[in-house]
Amino acid sequence: MKHFKDREFNLFNYMCDILYEFYEKNELEHLCALDSLAVGNYKNRKHYLFLQRFCSVWDRVEQREFNKEK
């Protein structure tokens, strides 16, 4: 991971790194992806679609982790 090297690797931390890089590259306020969609924290349709896909993947990763704990 590029930004959060002191953290143990897992998919959540990796995704946080991806989102951090997205916000830095596009000069956007750092929020959770779902909040960014809700308040319009994006500059164009490409950003909007990225955030939607990111949230979708996050939900799947979260469900996978939840199912592993059962």
PDB file of N, CA and C in Angstrom:
ATOM      1  N   MET A   1       0.843  -1.177   0.000  1.00  0.00           N
ATOM      2  CA  MET A   1       0.000   0.000   0.000  1.00  0.00           C
ATOM      3  C   MET A   1       0.882   1.232   0.000  1.00  0.00           C
ATOM      4  N   LYS A   2       0.440   2.205  -0.710  1.00  0.00           N
ATOM      5  CA  LYS A   2       1.260   3.390  -0.914  1.00  0.00           C
ATOM      6  C   LYS A   2       1.216   4.360   0.265  1.00  0.00           C
ATOM      7  N   HIS A   3       0.039   4.623   0.794  1.00  0.00           N
ATOM      8  CA  HIS A   3      -0.104   5.684   1.800  1.00  0.00           C
ATOM      9  C   HIS A   3      -0.179   5.184   3.238  1.00  0.00           C
ATOM     10  N   PHE A   4      -0.666   4.000   3.428  1.00  0.00           N
ATOM     11  CA  PHE A   4      -0.884   3.504   4.782  1.00  0.00           C
ATOM     12  C   PHE A   4       0.001   2.293   5.030  1.00  0.00           C
ATOM     13  N   LYS A   5       1.290   2.506   4.925  1.00  0.00           N
ATOM     14  CA  LYS A   5       2.258   1.412   5.013  1.00  0.00           C
ATOM     15  C   LYS A   5       2.352   0.807   6.400  1.00  0.00           C
ATOM     16  N   ASP A   6       1.968   1.543   7.414  1.00  0.00           N
ATOM     17  CA  ASP A   6       2.080   1.033   8.781  1.00  0.00           C
ATOM     18  C   ASP A   6       0.917   0.126   9.161  1.00  0.00           C
ATOM     19  N   ARG A   7      -0.053  -0.008   8.294  1.00  0.00           N
ATOM     20  CA  ARG A   7      -1.208  -0.859   8.574  1.00  0.00           C
ATOM     21  C   ARG A   7      -1.011  -2.252   7.987  1.00  0.00           C
ATOM     22  N   GLU A   8      -1.617  -3.217   8.643  1.00  0.00           N
ATOM     23  CA  GLU A   8      -1.611  -4.588   8.137  1.00  0.00           C
ATOM     24  C   GLU A   8      -2.391  -4.629   6.823  1.00  0.00           C
ATOM     25  N   PHE A   9      -1.915  -5.430   5.874  1.00  0.00           N
ATOM     26  CA  PHE A   9      -2.631  -5.515   4.602  1.00  0.00           C
ATOM     27  C   PHE A   9      -3.927  -6.290   4.774  1.00  0.00           C
ATOM     28  N   ASN A  10      -4.993  -5.678   4.300  1.00  0.00           N
ATOM     29  CA  ASN A  10      -6.273  -6.357   4.096  1.00  0.00           C
ATOM     30  C   ASN A  10      -7.016  -5.556   3.042  1.00  0.00           C
ATOM     31  N   LEU A  11      -8.095  -6.097   2.549  1.00  0.00           N
ATOM     32  CA  LEU A  11      -8.797  -5.429   1.446  1.00  0.00           C
ATOM     33  C   LEU A  11      -9.347  -4.063   1.831  1.00  0.00           C
ATOM     34  N   PHE A  12      -9.798  -3.909   3.072  1.00  0.00           N
ATOM     35  CA  PHE A  12     -10.324  -2.612   3.497  1.00  0.00           C
ATOM     36  C   PHE A  12      -9.228  -1.544   3.469  1.00  0.00           C
ATOM     37  N   ASN A  13      -8.063  -1.862   4.006  1.00  0.00           N
ATOM     38  CA  ASN A  13      -6.965  -0.900   3.999  1.00  0.00           C
ATOM     39  C   ASN A  13      -6.514  -0.594   2.574  1.00  0.00           C
ATOM     40  N   TYR A  14      -6.484  -1.608   1.727  1.00  0.00           N
ATOM     41  CA  TYR A  14      -6.108  -1.414   0.331  1.00  0.00           C
ATOM     42  C   TYR A  14      -7.102  -0.485  -0.368  1.00  0.00           C
ATOM     43  N   MET A  15      -8.375  -0.692  -0.105  1.00  0.00           N
ATOM     44  CA  MET A  15      -9.394   0.167  -0.718  1.00  0.00           C
ATOM     45  C   MET A  15      -9.309   1.596  -0.181  1.00  0.00           C
ATOM     46  N   CYS A  16      -8.990   1.752   1.095  1.00  0.00           N
ATOM     47  CA  CYS A  16      -8.795   3.098   1.653  1.00  0.00           C
ATOM     48  C   CYS A  16      -7.648   3.801   0.942  1.00  0.00           C
ATOM     49  N   ASP A  17      -6.611   3.062   0.633  1.00  0.00           N
ATOM     50  CA  ASP A  17      -5.472   3.607  -0.093  1.00  0.00           C
ATOM     51  C   ASP A  17      -5.891   4.066  -1.486  1.00  0.00           C
ATOM     52  N   ILE A  18      -6.701   3.270  -2.159  1.00  0.00           N
ATOM     53  CA  ILE A  18      -7.199   3.622  -3.494  1.00  0.00           C
ATOM     54  C   ILE A  18      -8.039   4.892  -3.425  1.00  0.00           C
ATOM     55  N   LEU A  19      -8.933   4.961  -2.444  1.00  0.00           N
ATOM     56  CA  LEU A  19      -9.801   6.138  -2.323  1.00  0.00           C
ATOM     57  C   LEU A  19      -8.991   7.384  -1.976  1.00  0.00           C
ATOM     58  N   TYR A  20      -8.006   7.232  -1.109  1.00  0.00           N
ATOM     59  CA  TYR A  20      -7.131   8.355  -0.756  1.00  0.00           C
ATOM     60  C   TYR A  20      -6.446   8.890  -2.012  1.00  0.00           C
ATOM     61  N   GLU A  21      -5.918   7.992  -2.813  1.00  0.00           N
ATOM     62  CA  GLU A  21      -5.232   8.382  -4.045  1.00  0.00           C
ATOM     63  C   GLU A  21      -6.190   9.086  -5.011  1.00  0.00           C
ATOM     64  N   PHE A  22      -7.410   8.594  -5.100  1.00  0.00           N
ATOM     65  CA  PHE A  22      -8.430   9.211  -5.951  1.00  0.00           C
ATOM     66  C   PHE A  22      -8.701  10.653  -5.517  1.00  0.00           C
ATOM     67  N   TYR A  23      -8.886  10.862  -4.218  1.00  0.00           N
ATOM     68  CA  TYR A  23      -9.157  12.209  -3.721  1.00  0.00           C
ATOM     69  C   TYR A  23      -7.964  13.143  -3.929  1.00  0.00           C
ATOM     70  N   GLU A  24      -6.772  12.649  -3.698  1.00  0.00           N
ATOM     71  CA  GLU A  24      -5.574  13.472  -3.892  1.00  0.00           C
ATOM     72  C   GLU A  24      -5.407  13.854  -5.361  1.00  0.00           C
ATOM     73  N   LYS A  25      -5.506  12.882  -6.232  1.00  0.00           N
ATOM     74  CA  LYS A  25      -5.309  13.100  -7.672  1.00  0.00           C
ATOM     75  C   LYS A  25      -6.318  14.095  -8.232  1.00  0.00           C
ATOM     76  N   ASN A  26      -7.537  14.035  -7.736  1.00  0.00           N
ATOM     77  CA  ASN A  26      -8.607  14.868  -8.275  1.00  0.00           C
ATOM     78  C   ASN A  26      -8.911  16.101  -7.432  1.00  0.00           C
ATOM     79  N   GLU A  27      -8.080  16.332  -6.422  1.00  0.00           N
ATOM     80  CA  GLU A  27      -8.221  17.504  -5.553  1.00  0.00           C
ATOM     81  C   GLU A  27      -9.629  17.636  -4.989  1.00  0.00           C
ATOM     82  N   LEU A  28     -10.091  16.542  -4.387  1.00  0.00           N
ATOM     83  CA  LEU A  28     -11.404  16.506  -3.765  1.00  0.00           C
ATOM     84  C   LEU A  28     -11.256  16.396  -2.251  1.00  0.00           C
ATOM     85  N   GLU A  29     -12.298  16.802  -1.545  1.00  0.00           N
ATOM     86  CA  GLU A  29     -12.303  16.672  -0.093  1.00  0.00           C
ATOM     87  C   GLU A  29     -12.320  15.188   0.276  1.00  0.00           C
ATOM     88  N   HIS A  30     -11.583  14.822   1.307  1.00  0.00           N
ATOM     89  CA  HIS A  30     -11.525  13.430   1.745  1.00  0.00           C
ATOM     90  C   HIS A  30     -12.733  13.111   2.618  1.00  0.00           C
ATOM     91  N   LEU A  31     -13.633  12.326   2.059  1.00  0.00           N
ATOM     92  CA  LEU A  31     -14.817  11.830   2.762  1.00  0.00           C
ATOM     93  C   LEU A  31     -14.933  10.345   2.476  1.00  0.00           C
ATOM     94  N   CYS A  32     -15.851   9.683   3.130  1.00  0.00           N
ATOM     95  CA  CYS A  32     -16.106   8.306   2.701  1.00  0.00           C
ATOM     96  C   CYS A  32     -16.794   8.392   1.337  1.00  0.00           C
ATOM     97  N   ALA A  33     -16.662   7.359   0.543  1.00  0.00           N
ATOM     98  CA  ALA A  33     -17.171   7.385  -0.830  1.00  0.00           C
ATOM     99  C   ALA A  33     -18.682   7.599  -0.869  1.00  0.00           C
ATOM    100  N   LEU A  34     -19.393   6.963   0.033  1.00  0.00           N
ATOM    101  CA  LEU A  34     -20.845   7.100   0.062  1.00  0.00           C
ATOM    102  C   LEU A  34     -21.253   8.539   0.388  1.00  0.00           C
ATOM    103  N   ASP A  35     -20.555   9.163   1.326  1.00  0.00           N
ATOM    104  CA  ASP A  35     -20.826  10.572   1.642  1.00  0.00           C
ATOM    105  C   ASP A  35     -20.511  11.467   0.454  1.00  0.00           C
ATOM    106  N   SER A  36     -19.446  11.165  -0.254  1.00  0.00           N
ATOM    107  CA  SER A  36     -19.090  11.953  -1.433  1.00  0.00           C
ATOM    108  C   SER A  36     -20.209  11.929  -2.460  1.00  0.00           C
ATOM    109  N   LEU A  37     -20.811  10.760  -2.656  1.00  0.00           N
ATOM    110  CA  LEU A  37     -21.946  10.669  -3.584  1.00  0.00           C
ATOM    111  C   LEU A  37     -23.135  11.473  -3.077  1.00  0.00           C
ATOM    112  N   ALA A  38     -23.386  11.389  -1.777  1.00  0.00           N
ATOM    113  CA  ALA A  38     -24.560  12.049  -1.198  1.00  0.00           C
ATOM    114  C   ALA A  38     -24.476  13.571  -1.263  1.00  0.00           C
ATOM    115  N   VAL A  39     -23.264  14.121  -1.083  1.00  0.00           N
ATOM    116  CA  VAL A  39     -23.137  15.584  -1.031  1.00  0.00           C
ATOM    117  C   VAL A  39     -22.564  16.188  -2.318  1.00  0.00           C
ATOM    118  N   GLY A  40     -22.313  15.353  -3.324  1.00  0.00           N
ATOM    119  CA  GLY A  40     -21.814  15.873  -4.594  1.00  0.00           C
ATOM    120  C   GLY A  40     -20.334  16.211  -4.575  1.00  0.00           C
ATOM    121  N   ASN A  41     -19.553  15.455  -3.828  1.00  0.00           N
ATOM    122  CA  ASN A  41     -18.107  15.690  -3.746  1.00  0.00           C
ATOM    123  C   ASN A  41     -17.404  14.998  -4.922  1.00  0.00           C
ATOM    124  N   TYR A  42     -17.688  15.480  -6.114  1.00  0.00           N
ATOM    125  CA  TYR A  42     -17.059  14.997  -7.337  1.00  0.00           C
ATOM    126  C   TYR A  42     -17.190  16.104  -8.374  1.00  0.00           C
ATOM    127  N   LYS A  43     -16.329  16.057  -9.378  1.00  0.00           N
ATOM    128  CA  LYS A  43     -16.295  17.151 -10.351  1.00  0.00           C
ATOM    129  C   LYS A  43     -16.936  16.816 -11.689  1.00  0.00           C
ATOM    130  N   ASN A  44     -17.090  15.544 -11.974  1.00  0.00           N
ATOM    131  CA  ASN A  44     -17.646  15.177 -13.277  1.00  0.00           C
ATOM    132  C   ASN A  44     -18.249  13.772 -13.204  1.00  0.00           C
ATOM    133  N   ARG A  45     -18.810  13.350 -14.318  1.00  0.00           N
ATOM    134  CA  ARG A  45     -19.470  12.040 -14.389  1.00  0.00           C
ATOM    135  C   ARG A  45     -18.485  10.896 -14.148  1.00  0.00           C
ATOM    136  N   LYS A  46     -17.268  11.040 -14.609  1.00  0.00           N
ATOM    137  CA  LYS A  46     -16.245  10.006 -14.414  1.00  0.00           C
ATOM    138  C   LYS A  46     -15.988   9.796 -12.916  1.00  0.00           C
ATOM    139  N   HIS A  47     -15.884  10.875 -12.168  1.00  0.00           N
ATOM    140  CA  HIS A  47     -15.691  10.780 -10.715  1.00  0.00           C
ATOM    141  C   HIS A  47     -16.901  10.107 -10.067  1.00  0.00           C
ATOM    142  N   TYR A  48     -18.093  10.535 -10.494  1.00  0.00           N
ATOM    143  CA  TYR A  48     -19.331   9.982  -9.954  1.00  0.00           C
ATOM    144  C   TYR A  48     -19.388   8.472 -10.165  1.00  0.00           C
ATOM    145  N   LEU A  49     -19.073   8.031 -11.379  1.00  0.00           N
ATOM    146  CA  LEU A  49     -19.115   6.604 -11.686  1.00  0.00           C
ATOM    147  C   LEU A  49     -18.061   5.830 -10.896  1.00  0.00           C
ATOM    148  N   PHE A  50     -16.877   6.415 -10.729  1.00  0.00           N
ATOM    149  CA  PHE A  50     -15.849   5.772  -9.920  1.00  0.00           C
ATOM    150  C   PHE A  50     -16.354   5.556  -8.498  1.00  0.00           C
ATOM    151  N   LEU A  51     -16.942   6.586  -7.924  1.00  0.00           N
ATOM    152  CA  LEU A  51     -17.428   6.492  -6.549  1.00  0.00           C
ATOM    153  C   LEU A  51     -18.544   5.456  -6.418  1.00  0.00           C
ATOM    154  N   GLN A  52     -19.417   5.384  -7.407  1.00  0.00           N
ATOM    155  CA  GLN A  52     -20.474   4.376  -7.386  1.00  0.00           C
ATOM    156  C   GLN A  52     -19.881   2.969  -7.419  1.00  0.00           C
ATOM    157  N   ARG A  53     -18.929   2.747  -8.319  1.00  0.00           N
ATOM    158  CA  ARG A  53     -18.292   1.432  -8.413  1.00  0.00           C
ATOM    159  C   ARG A  53     -17.536   1.106  -7.131  1.00  0.00           C
ATOM    160  N   PHE A  54     -16.845   2.111  -6.602  1.00  0.00           N
ATOM    161  CA  PHE A  54     -16.104   1.906  -5.360  1.00  0.00           C
ATOM    162  C   PHE A  54     -17.042   1.455  -4.247  1.00  0.00           C
ATOM    163  N   CYS A  55     -18.171   2.116  -4.105  1.00  0.00           N
ATOM    164  CA  CYS A  55     -19.139   1.761  -3.056  1.00  0.00           C
ATOM    165  C   CYS A  55     -19.669   0.340  -3.266  1.00  0.00           C
ATOM    166  N   SER A  56     -19.898  -0.015  -4.507  1.00  0.00           N
ATOM    167  CA  SER A  56     -20.373  -1.361  -4.815  1.00  0.00           C
ATOM    168  C   SER A  56     -19.344  -2.416  -4.411  1.00  0.00           C
ATOM    169  N   VAL A  57     -18.094  -2.178  -4.758  1.00  0.00           N
ATOM    170  CA  VAL A  57     -17.027  -3.115  -4.388  1.00  0.00           C
ATOM    171  C   VAL A  57     -16.869  -3.154  -2.873  1.00  0.00           C
ATOM    172  N   TRP A  58     -16.919  -2.004  -2.236  1.00  0.00           N
ATOM    173  CA  TRP A  58     -16.790  -1.946  -0.772  1.00  0.00           C
ATOM    174  C   TRP A  58     -17.866  -2.813  -0.117  1.00  0.00           C
ATOM    175  N   ASP A  59     -19.097  -2.699  -0.596  1.00  0.00           N
ATOM    176  CA  ASP A  59     -20.191  -3.495  -0.042  1.00  0.00           C
ATOM    177  C   ASP A  59     -19.927  -4.990  -0.190  1.00  0.00           C
ATOM    178  N   ARG A  60     -19.399  -5.397  -1.327  1.00  0.00           N
ATOM    179  CA  ARG A  60     -19.099  -6.822  -1.541  1.00  0.00           C
ATOM    180  C   ARG A  60     -17.977  -7.301  -0.631  1.00  0.00           C
ATOM    181  N   VAL A  61     -16.950  -6.481  -0.468  1.00  0.00           N
ATOM    182  CA  VAL A  61     -15.844  -6.841   0.423  1.00  0.00           C
ATOM    183  C   VAL A  61     -16.354  -6.935   1.854  1.00  0.00           C
ATOM    184  N   GLU A  62     -17.176  -5.982   2.242  1.00  0.00           N
ATOM    185  CA  GLU A  62     -17.739  -5.991   3.593  1.00  0.00           C
ATOM    186  C   GLU A  62     -18.580  -7.243   3.827  1.00  0.00           C
ATOM    187  N   GLN A  63     -19.397  -7.606   2.854  1.00  0.00           N
ATOM    188  CA  GLN A  63     -20.238  -8.812   2.980  1.00  0.00           C
ATOM    189  C   GLN A  63     -19.362 -10.058   3.047  1.00  0.00           C
ATOM    190  N   ARG A  64     -18.317 -10.093   2.260  1.00  0.00           N
ATOM    191  CA  ARG A  64     -17.388 -11.234   2.280  1.00  0.00           C
ATOM    192  C   ARG A  64     -16.740 -11.398   3.663  1.00  0.00           C
ATOM    193  N   GLU A  65     -16.299 -10.280   4.230  1.00  0.00           N
ATOM    194  CA  GLU A  65     -15.698 -10.326   5.558  1.00  0.00           C
ATOM    195  C   GLU A  65     -16.707 -10.752   6.619  1.00  0.00           C
ATOM    196  N   PHE A  66     -17.916 -10.263   6.481  1.00  0.00           N
ATOM    197  CA  PHE A  66     -18.975 -10.627   7.422  1.00  0.00           C
ATOM    198  C   PHE A  66     -19.247 -12.128   7.354  1.00  0.00           C
ATOM    199  N   ASN A  67     -19.303 -12.665   6.137  1.00  0.00           N
ATOM    200  CA  ASN A  67     -19.572 -14.089   5.964  1.00  0.00           C
ATOM    201  C   ASN A  67     -18.420 -14.957   6.466  1.00  0.00           C
ATOM    202  N   LYS A  68     -17.205 -14.463   6.401  1.00  0.00           N
ATOM    203  CA  LYS A  68     -16.047 -15.209   6.906  1.00  0.00           C
ATOM    204  C   LYS A  68     -16.096 -15.360   8.417  1.00  0.00           C
ATOM    205  N   GLU A  69     -16.685 -14.384   9.097  1.00  0.00           N
ATOM    206  CA  GLU A  69     -16.750 -14.394  10.555  1.00  0.00           C
ATOM    207  C   GLU A  69     -17.824 -15.344  11.093  1.00  0.00           C
ATOM    208  N   LYS A  70     -18.731 -15.771  10.251  1.00  0.00           N
ATOM    209  CA  LYS A  70     -19.828 -16.655  10.696  1.00  0.00           C
ATOM    210  C   LYS A  70     -19.316 -18.052  10.937  1.00  0.00           C
TER     211      LYS A  70
END
